[in-house]
Each structure stands twice: as C-alpha cells, then as structure tokens.
Protein backbone atom coordinates (compact mmCIF):
# COMPACT_ATOMS: atom_id res chain seq x y z
CA MET A 1 -29.45 -2.51 2.70
CA ILE A 2 -28.23 0.76 1.22
CA LEU A 3 -25.30 0.78 -1.19
CA THR A 4 -23.18 3.69 -2.41
CA THR A 5 -19.92 3.96 -4.31
CA GLY A 6 -19.08 6.90 -2.05
CA THR A 7 -19.16 7.11 1.73
CA PHE A 8 -21.77 7.51 4.45
CA THR A 9 -21.80 10.34 6.94
CA THR A 10 -21.46 9.70 10.66
CA GLU A 11 -25.11 10.67 11.06
CA ALA A 12 -26.19 8.14 8.43
CA ARG A 13 -24.21 5.37 10.14
CA ARG A 14 -25.74 6.29 13.50
CA GLU A 15 -29.27 6.31 12.06
CA ALA A 16 -28.72 2.93 10.39
CA ASN A 17 -28.01 1.38 13.80
CA ARG A 18 -30.42 3.37 15.94
CA ASP A 19 -31.94 1.54 18.92
CA GLY A 20 -35.54 0.42 18.58
CA VAL A 21 -35.57 -0.07 14.80
CA PRO A 22 -34.28 -2.84 12.55
CA PRO A 23 -30.65 -2.15 11.55
CA ILE A 24 -29.87 -1.10 7.99
CA GLU A 25 -26.81 -2.59 6.29
CA LEU A 26 -24.72 0.24 4.82
CA ILE A 27 -22.23 -0.71 2.11
CA ASP A 28 -19.89 2.06 1.01
CA GLY A 29 -17.46 2.03 -1.92
CA ASP A 30 -14.54 0.57 0.06
CA LYS A 31 -16.66 -2.22 1.55
CA LEU A 32 -18.16 -2.97 -1.88
CA ILE A 33 -14.69 -3.36 -3.42
CA ASP A 34 -13.62 -5.61 -0.52
CA MET A 35 -16.71 -7.78 -0.99
CA LEU A 36 -16.22 -8.04 -4.75
CA ALA A 37 -12.51 -8.87 -4.31
CA HIS A 38 -13.28 -11.53 -1.70
CA LEU A 39 -15.79 -13.18 -4.04
CA GLU A 40 -13.67 -12.44 -7.16
CA LEU A 41 -16.70 -10.92 -8.88
CA GLY A 42 -15.86 -8.60 -11.76
CA LEU A 43 -12.31 -8.09 -10.54
CA ARG A 44 -9.03 -9.62 -11.64
CA PRO A 45 -5.96 -9.49 -9.39
CA VAL A 46 -2.93 -7.74 -10.91
CA THR A 47 0.67 -7.36 -9.81
CA THR A 48 2.22 -3.90 -9.93
CA TYR A 49 5.82 -2.85 -9.53
CA GLU A 50 7.35 0.40 -8.36
CA LEU A 51 10.66 1.55 -9.82
CA ASP A 52 13.55 1.68 -7.34
CA GLY A 53 15.51 4.71 -8.54
CA ASN A 54 18.38 3.98 -6.12
CA PHE A 55 19.17 0.75 -7.95
CA PHE A 56 19.86 2.63 -11.20
CA LYS A 57 22.01 5.43 -9.70
CA GLU A 58 25.23 3.42 -10.18
CA PHE A 59 24.54 3.27 -13.93
CA GLU A 60 24.23 7.04 -14.39
CA THR A 61 26.97 8.63 -16.47
C-alpha cells in the first residue's frame, strides 16, 4: 500500500497493477478523504449554505 495526499501519475497506477507482480494498493488524497469520511475518522460533517443574491434583489433601494 502506498499513500499520498496528492495524486499518482498514470505511469504509477499502471506499474501498481502490472501483470506478473502482486498489485500495490494506491491511495491518493481524494480516496483517503473518502475513506476517512466513510469511517467518520477525524472528520465531522458540516452543513454549508450559499447566499442566493436573487432573493434579496427585491429589497434593494
């Protein structure tokens, strides 16, 4: 298993799954976050809101 907070190149992914050798599990930053979120390890879900500017247009003076 090889872990990075970044990404793996196409060549690295190909080499990790090359025929004739044991496969190597590659975990990049996105997959790591997904795994941590799924297991709720070190992460807390939050709700965010985006302002809808159109709603407030009728209140402009």
